[in-house]
Amino acid sequence: MRIGLRIAAGLLLGITLVVWLATGAHTGWTKTRVTTMRIDPITELEYPEIEKKFVAGVDVLGAGTLPALALFGCSYLFKSQPTKKRKDHKP
């Protein structure tokens, strides 16, 4: 049970980090729209353009990291399995 919880915690933490890094590793809150500045080719004036894009922020990072740490901490509540001794072992 201990190892299963630790594996689950590691997978959750890994998936969270991959999602956060793959979407831009934004250190602010999660964004669903990003504003980029474009230049009009005719007038050469700069204007903002809003684009729908998911950028994971630190709230997503925390929402995955805290449960992973909780799972890892819960793994210490279970006893470890005793190792079996060989019968032909002589001290």
N, C-alpha and C. Protein backbone atom coordinates (compact mmCIF):
# COMPACT_ATOMS: atom_id res chain seq x y z
N MET A 1 0.82 -1.19 0.00
CA MET A 1 0.00 0.00 0.00
C MET A 1 0.87 1.26 0.00
N ARG A 2 1.98 1.20 0.76
CA ARG A 2 2.87 2.36 0.83
C ARG A 2 3.44 2.69 -0.54
N ILE A 3 3.91 1.68 -1.22
CA ILE A 3 4.55 1.90 -2.52
C ILE A 3 3.51 2.38 -3.54
N GLY A 4 2.31 1.84 -3.47
CA GLY A 4 1.25 2.28 -4.38
C GLY A 4 0.93 3.75 -4.21
N LEU A 5 0.83 4.21 -2.97
CA LEU A 5 0.56 5.63 -2.72
C LEU A 5 1.71 6.51 -3.19
N ARG A 6 2.92 6.04 -2.99
CA ARG A 6 4.08 6.83 -3.42
C ARG A 6 4.17 6.89 -4.94
N ILE A 7 3.84 5.80 -5.60
CA ILE A 7 3.83 5.81 -7.07
C ILE A 7 2.75 6.75 -7.59
N ALA A 8 1.56 6.69 -6.97
CA ALA A 8 0.47 7.59 -7.37
C ALA A 8 0.86 9.05 -7.15
N ALA A 9 1.53 9.34 -6.04
CA ALA A 9 1.97 10.70 -5.76
C ALA A 9 3.00 11.17 -6.78
N GLY A 10 3.91 10.30 -7.13
CA GLY A 10 4.92 10.64 -8.13
C GLY A 10 4.32 10.88 -9.50
N LEU A 11 3.35 10.03 -9.88
CA LEU A 11 2.70 10.22 -11.17
C LEU A 11 1.91 11.52 -11.22
N LEU A 12 1.18 11.81 -10.15
CA LEU A 12 0.40 13.05 -10.10
C LEU A 12 1.31 14.26 -10.16
N LEU A 13 2.40 14.24 -9.44
CA LEU A 13 3.35 15.35 -9.47
C LEU A 13 3.99 15.49 -10.86
N GLY A 14 4.35 14.36 -11.46
CA GLY A 14 4.96 14.40 -12.79
C GLY A 14 4.01 14.94 -13.85
N ILE A 15 2.76 14.48 -13.83
CA ILE A 15 1.77 14.96 -14.80
C ILE A 15 1.52 16.45 -14.60
N THR A 16 1.43 16.88 -13.36
CA THR A 16 1.21 18.30 -13.07
C THR A 16 2.35 19.15 -13.62
N LEU A 17 3.58 18.73 -13.38
CA LEU A 17 4.73 19.49 -13.87
C LEU A 17 4.78 19.51 -15.39
N VAL A 18 4.48 18.40 -16.03
CA VAL A 18 4.50 18.35 -17.49
C VAL A 18 3.45 19.28 -18.09
N VAL A 19 2.24 19.28 -17.52
CA VAL A 19 1.18 20.18 -18.02
C VAL A 19 1.59 21.63 -17.81
N TRP A 20 2.11 21.95 -16.65
CA TRP A 20 2.50 23.32 -16.35
C TRP A 20 3.63 23.80 -17.27
N LEU A 21 4.62 22.94 -17.48
CA LEU A 21 5.74 23.32 -18.35
C LEU A 21 5.32 23.36 -19.82
N ALA A 22 4.47 22.45 -20.25
CA ALA A 22 4.06 22.38 -21.65
C ALA A 22 3.19 23.57 -22.06
N THR A 23 2.47 24.14 -21.13
CA THR A 23 1.59 25.25 -21.48
C THR A 23 2.24 26.61 -21.23
N GLY A 24 3.49 26.63 -20.85
CA GLY A 24 4.19 27.90 -20.75
C GLY A 24 4.81 28.24 -19.42
N ALA A 25 4.63 27.44 -18.40
CA ALA A 25 5.21 27.66 -17.06
C ALA A 25 4.95 29.08 -16.58
N HIS A 26 3.70 29.49 -16.66
CA HIS A 26 3.31 30.84 -16.25
C HIS A 26 3.33 30.96 -14.73
N THR A 27 3.98 32.00 -14.21
CA THR A 27 4.10 32.16 -12.77
C THR A 27 2.97 32.97 -12.16
N GLY A 28 1.99 33.32 -12.95
CA GLY A 28 0.80 34.01 -12.44
C GLY A 28 -0.36 33.04 -12.39
N TRP A 29 -1.58 33.58 -12.40
CA TRP A 29 -2.78 32.75 -12.40
C TRP A 29 -3.03 32.18 -13.79
N THR A 30 -3.83 31.14 -13.87
CA THR A 30 -4.15 30.50 -15.13
C THR A 30 -4.90 31.46 -16.05
N LYS A 31 -4.53 31.42 -17.33
CA LYS A 31 -5.18 32.29 -18.31
C LYS A 31 -5.87 31.41 -19.36
N THR A 32 -7.02 31.87 -19.85
CA THR A 32 -7.68 31.19 -20.95
C THR A 32 -7.65 32.03 -22.22
N ARG A 33 -7.21 33.27 -22.09
CA ARG A 33 -7.04 34.15 -23.24
C ARG A 33 -5.72 34.90 -23.10
N VAL A 34 -5.02 35.06 -24.23
CA VAL A 34 -3.73 35.73 -24.23
C VAL A 34 -3.80 36.90 -25.21
N THR A 35 -3.32 38.05 -24.78
CA THR A 35 -3.30 39.23 -25.63
C THR A 35 -1.92 39.39 -26.25
N THR A 36 -1.89 39.47 -27.57
CA THR A 36 -0.63 39.70 -28.28
C THR A 36 -0.77 40.98 -29.10
N MET A 37 0.31 41.69 -29.24
CA MET A 37 0.30 42.92 -30.02
C MET A 37 0.69 42.60 -31.46
N ARG A 38 -0.10 43.07 -32.41
CA ARG A 38 0.13 42.86 -33.84
C ARG A 38 0.34 44.22 -34.50
N ILE A 39 0.95 44.18 -35.66
CA ILE A 39 1.15 45.40 -36.45
C ILE A 39 0.36 45.30 -37.74
N ASP A 40 -0.46 46.31 -37.98
CA ASP A 40 -1.25 46.37 -39.21
C ASP A 40 -0.30 46.61 -40.37
N PRO A 41 -0.34 45.75 -41.41
CA PRO A 41 0.62 45.90 -42.52
C PRO A 41 0.42 47.19 -43.34
N ILE A 42 -0.77 47.74 -43.37
CA ILE A 42 -1.02 48.93 -44.18
C ILE A 42 -0.68 50.20 -43.41
N THR A 43 -1.24 50.37 -42.23
CA THR A 43 -1.03 51.60 -41.47
C THR A 43 0.19 51.52 -40.56
N GLU A 44 0.72 50.33 -40.34
CA GLU A 44 1.86 50.07 -39.46
C GLU A 44 1.60 50.52 -38.03
N LEU A 45 0.33 50.47 -37.63
CA LEU A 45 -0.05 50.76 -36.25
C LEU A 45 -0.15 49.45 -35.47
N GLU A 46 0.21 49.54 -34.21
CA GLU A 46 0.16 48.36 -33.34
C GLU A 46 -1.21 48.27 -32.69
N TYR A 47 -1.77 47.05 -32.66
CA TYR A 47 -3.08 46.84 -32.05
C TYR A 47 -3.08 45.50 -31.30
N PRO A 48 -3.88 45.43 -30.22
CA PRO A 48 -3.93 44.18 -29.45
C PRO A 48 -4.87 43.17 -30.11
N GLU A 49 -4.46 41.91 -30.06
CA GLU A 49 -5.29 40.83 -30.59
C GLU A 49 -5.43 39.77 -29.49
N ILE A 50 -6.68 39.45 -29.16
CA ILE A 50 -6.94 38.48 -28.10
C ILE A 50 -7.11 37.10 -28.74
N GLU A 51 -6.36 36.15 -28.19
CA GLU A 51 -6.35 34.78 -28.73
C GLU A 51 -6.78 33.83 -27.61
N LYS A 52 -7.66 32.88 -27.93
CA LYS A 52 -8.06 31.88 -26.94
C LYS A 52 -6.95 30.84 -26.83
N LYS A 53 -6.36 30.76 -25.64
CA LYS A 53 -5.25 29.84 -25.41
C LYS A 53 -5.19 29.53 -23.92
N PHE A 54 -4.97 28.27 -23.56
CA PHE A 54 -4.87 27.87 -22.16
C PHE A 54 -3.41 27.94 -21.73
N VAL A 55 -3.15 28.72 -20.69
CA VAL A 55 -1.82 28.81 -20.11
C VAL A 55 -1.96 28.50 -18.63
N ALA A 56 -1.43 27.36 -18.21
CA ALA A 56 -1.54 26.94 -16.81
C ALA A 56 -0.67 27.82 -15.93
N GLY A 57 -1.23 28.22 -14.80
CA GLY A 57 -0.51 29.07 -13.86
C GLY A 57 -0.15 28.32 -12.60
N VAL A 58 0.23 29.08 -11.59
CA VAL A 58 0.65 28.45 -10.34
C VAL A 58 -0.52 27.81 -9.60
N ASP A 59 -1.75 28.21 -9.91
CA ASP A 59 -2.89 27.56 -9.26
C ASP A 59 -3.03 26.12 -9.73
N VAL A 60 -2.75 25.85 -10.99
CA VAL A 60 -2.76 24.47 -11.50
C VAL A 60 -1.59 23.69 -10.89
N LEU A 61 -0.46 24.35 -10.77
CA LEU A 61 0.71 23.71 -10.17
C LEU A 61 0.42 23.34 -8.71
N GLY A 62 -0.21 24.24 -7.98
CA GLY A 62 -0.57 23.96 -6.58
C GLY A 62 -1.66 22.92 -6.46
N ALA A 63 -2.62 22.95 -7.40
CA ALA A 63 -3.73 21.99 -7.36
C ALA A 63 -3.26 20.57 -7.63
N GLY A 64 -2.13 20.40 -8.24
CA GLY A 64 -1.58 19.06 -8.45
C GLY A 64 -0.52 18.69 -7.43
N THR A 65 0.24 19.67 -6.99
CA THR A 65 1.34 19.40 -6.06
C THR A 65 0.85 19.09 -4.65
N LEU A 66 -0.11 19.85 -4.17
CA LEU A 66 -0.60 19.62 -2.80
C LEU A 66 -1.23 18.24 -2.60
N PRO A 67 -2.09 17.75 -3.51
CA PRO A 67 -2.59 16.38 -3.33
C PRO A 67 -1.49 15.33 -3.46
N ALA A 68 -0.50 15.59 -4.32
CA ALA A 68 0.61 14.65 -4.44
C ALA A 68 1.38 14.56 -3.13
N LEU A 69 1.61 15.69 -2.50
CA LEU A 69 2.29 15.69 -1.19
C LEU A 69 1.44 15.02 -0.13
N ALA A 70 0.13 15.22 -0.20
CA ALA A 70 -0.77 14.57 0.76
C ALA A 70 -0.75 13.05 0.59
N LEU A 71 -0.75 12.58 -0.65
CA LEU A 71 -0.67 11.13 -0.90
C LEU A 71 0.65 10.57 -0.38
N PHE A 72 1.72 11.31 -0.63
CA PHE A 72 3.03 10.85 -0.16
C PHE A 72 3.06 10.81 1.36
N GLY A 73 2.48 11.82 2.01
CA GLY A 73 2.43 11.84 3.46
C GLY A 73 1.57 10.72 4.02
N CYS A 74 0.46 10.41 3.36
CA CYS A 74 -0.42 9.32 3.81
C CYS A 74 0.25 7.96 3.70
N SER A 75 1.26 7.86 2.85
CA SER A 75 1.94 6.57 2.70
C SER A 75 2.69 6.19 3.98
N TYR A 76 3.00 7.17 4.82
CA TYR A 76 3.69 6.88 6.08
C TYR A 76 2.74 6.36 7.15
N LEU A 77 1.44 6.40 6.90
CA LEU A 77 0.48 5.88 7.87
C LEU A 77 0.39 4.35 7.85
N PHE A 78 0.89 3.75 6.81
CA PHE A 78 0.83 2.29 6.66
C PHE A 78 2.17 1.68 7.03
N LYS A 79 2.11 0.49 7.61
CA LYS A 79 3.32 -0.21 8.00
C LYS A 79 3.98 -0.82 6.77
N SER A 80 5.31 -0.89 6.83
CA SER A 80 6.01 -1.54 5.74
C SER A 80 5.91 -3.06 5.90
N GLN A 81 5.98 -3.75 4.78
CA GLN A 81 5.88 -5.21 4.81
C GLN A 81 7.19 -5.79 5.33
N PRO A 82 7.12 -6.73 6.29
CA PRO A 82 8.37 -7.33 6.78
C PRO A 82 8.99 -8.21 5.70
N THR A 83 10.31 -8.25 5.72
CA THR A 83 11.00 -9.09 4.74
C THR A 83 11.04 -10.52 5.25
N LYS A 84 10.93 -11.46 4.33
CA LYS A 84 10.94 -12.87 4.72
C LYS A 84 12.38 -13.35 4.85
N LYS A 85 12.65 -14.08 5.94
CA LYS A 85 13.99 -14.62 6.14
C LYS A 85 14.06 -16.00 5.51
N ARG A 86 15.22 -16.29 4.97
CA ARG A 86 15.42 -17.62 4.39
C ARG A 86 15.61 -18.63 5.52
N LYS A 87 15.08 -19.81 5.33
CA LYS A 87 15.16 -20.84 6.38
C LYS A 87 16.57 -21.38 6.53
N ASP A 88 17.34 -21.40 5.46
CA ASP A 88 18.66 -21.98 5.54
C ASP A 88 19.72 -20.96 5.96
N HIS A 89 19.30 -19.81 6.40
CA HIS A 89 20.22 -18.76 6.82
C HIS A 89 20.80 -19.10 8.19
N LYS A 90 22.13 -19.08 8.30
CA LYS A 90 22.79 -19.35 9.57
C LYS A 90 23.53 -18.08 10.00
N PRO A 91 23.30 -17.66 11.22
CA PRO A 91 23.97 -16.44 11.68
C PRO A 91 25.43 -16.63 11.98
